[in-house]
Amino acid sequence: MTMNNWNPKKSLNNDEIDVKVAVYMERLDTYIETSTELNRTLVAGLERVNNELDELKQWRTQFYGAKTLIMMLFAMFAHAGVVLAAIVGILTWYSKSPN
C-alpha cells in the first residue's frame, strides 16, 4: 500500500493487520540477530585488543627492567673504576713520598 492510495477512513481488516505485524516481527527478529552478531564481533575484537595491550605492557616492563639493570651495571663499573683509580693514585703518591 503506497501513501498515495492510503485512505485514513479506510480501516484494515484483521488479515492485513496480521500480515503487517508478521512482517514487522520478522524485520525486528532480523535486526536483533544482526545486532547480537555485531556485539559478539565487537566483544571479540575488544578482547583481542586487551590481550595485545597486556602483552605490550609486559614487554615495556621487561624493557624497563633491562634498562635499569644496564644503568646499574654501568654505575657499578664506573664506581669501581673511580675506586681503583683512587687506590692507584694513593699507592703512587705513597711510593713517591720520601720515607
Protein backbone atom coordinates (compact mmCIF):
# COMPACT_ATOMS: atom_id res chain seq x y z
CA MET A 1 0.00 0.00 0.00
CA THR A 2 1.54 3.33 -1.01
CA MET A 3 0.92 6.67 0.58
CA ASN A 4 -0.98 7.88 -2.48
CA ASN A 5 -3.55 5.11 -2.14
CA TRP A 6 -3.84 5.38 1.60
CA ASN A 7 -7.18 6.48 2.88
CA PRO A 8 -7.32 7.39 6.59
CA LYS A 9 -11.00 6.48 6.69
CA LYS A 10 -10.36 3.01 5.33
CA SER A 11 -9.85 0.52 8.12
CA LEU A 12 -7.62 -2.51 7.82
CA ASN A 13 -9.09 -5.92 8.29
CA ASN A 14 -7.59 -8.47 10.65
CA ASP A 15 -5.73 -10.35 7.91
CA GLU A 16 -3.94 -7.20 6.73
CA ILE A 17 -3.03 -6.30 10.31
CA ASP A 18 -1.72 -9.83 10.91
CA VAL A 19 0.43 -9.64 7.78
CA LYS A 20 1.83 -6.23 8.75
CA VAL A 21 2.58 -7.42 12.29
CA ALA A 22 4.25 -10.58 10.94
CA VAL A 23 6.42 -8.53 8.57
CA TYR A 24 7.32 -6.15 11.39
CA MET A 25 8.18 -9.01 13.74
CA GLU A 26 10.35 -10.67 11.07
CA ARG A 27 12.24 -7.41 10.50
CA LEU A 28 12.63 -6.96 14.25
CA ASP A 29 13.99 -10.51 14.64
CA THR A 30 16.46 -9.90 11.81
CA TYR A 31 17.57 -6.64 13.42
CA ILE A 32 18.05 -8.33 16.81
CA GLU A 33 20.07 -11.18 15.27
CA THR A 34 22.24 -8.74 13.34
CA SER A 35 22.89 -6.54 16.36
CA THR A 36 23.66 -9.59 18.51
CA GLU A 37 26.24 -10.81 15.97
CA LEU A 38 27.72 -7.33 15.76
CA ASN A 39 28.02 -7.20 19.55
CA ARG A 40 29.77 -10.58 19.58
CA THR A 41 32.20 -9.38 16.92
CA LEU A 42 32.90 -6.17 18.82
CA VAL A 43 33.48 -8.03 22.09
CA ALA A 44 35.87 -10.46 20.39
CA GLY A 45 37.78 -7.53 18.88
CA LEU A 46 37.98 -5.74 22.21
CA GLU A 47 39.23 -8.89 23.94
CA ARG A 48 41.95 -9.24 21.29
CA VAL A 49 42.96 -5.59 21.76
CA ASN A 50 43.07 -6.05 25.55
CA ASN A 51 45.29 -9.13 25.18
CA GLU A 52 47.66 -7.27 22.86
CA LEU A 53 47.75 -4.33 25.25
CA ASP A 54 48.62 -6.65 28.14
CA GLU A 55 51.46 -8.13 26.06
CA LEU A 56 52.76 -4.64 25.29
CA LYS A 57 52.67 -3.71 28.97
CA GLN A 58 54.61 -6.88 29.82
CA TRP A 59 57.25 -6.07 27.17
CA ARG A 60 57.50 -2.50 28.45
CA THR A 61 58.04 -3.76 32.00
CA GLN A 62 60.76 -6.14 30.80
CA PHE A 63 62.38 -3.36 28.78
CA TYR A 64 62.41 -1.02 31.79
CA GLY A 65 63.91 -3.80 33.90
CA ALA A 66 66.69 -4.41 31.36
CA LYS A 67 67.31 -0.67 31.06
CA THR A 68 67.59 -0.34 34.84
CA LEU A 69 69.95 -3.32 35.00
CA ILE A 70 72.24 -1.82 32.35
CA MET A 71 72.26 1.54 34.14
CA MET A 72 73.11 -0.12 37.45
CA LEU A 73 75.91 -2.17 35.85
CA PHE A 74 77.32 1.00 34.25
CA ALA A 75 77.19 2.82 37.59
CA MET A 76 78.87 -0.13 39.32
CA PHE A 77 81.70 -0.30 36.75
CA ALA A 78 82.12 3.50 36.83
CA HIS A 79 82.29 3.42 40.62
CA ALA A 80 84.76 0.52 40.53
CA GLY A 81 86.92 2.45 38.06
CA VAL A 82 86.91 5.53 40.25
CA VAL A 83 87.79 3.50 43.37
CA LEU A 84 90.61 1.65 41.55
CA ALA A 85 91.97 4.93 40.18
CA ALA A 86 91.92 6.40 43.69
CA ILE A 87 93.75 3.38 45.10
CA VAL A 88 96.35 3.53 42.32
CA GLY A 89 96.76 7.25 42.92
CA ILE A 90 97.19 6.80 46.67
CA LEU A 91 99.73 3.97 46.16
CA THR A 92 101.64 6.04 43.61
CA TRP A 93 101.65 9.05 45.94
CA TYR A 94 102.89 6.92 48.88
CA SER A 95 105.57 5.23 46.75
CA LYS A 96 106.97 8.59 45.62
CA SER A 97 106.93 10.19 49.08
CA PRO A 98 110.28 10.27 50.91
CA ASN A 99 110.45 7.93 53.91
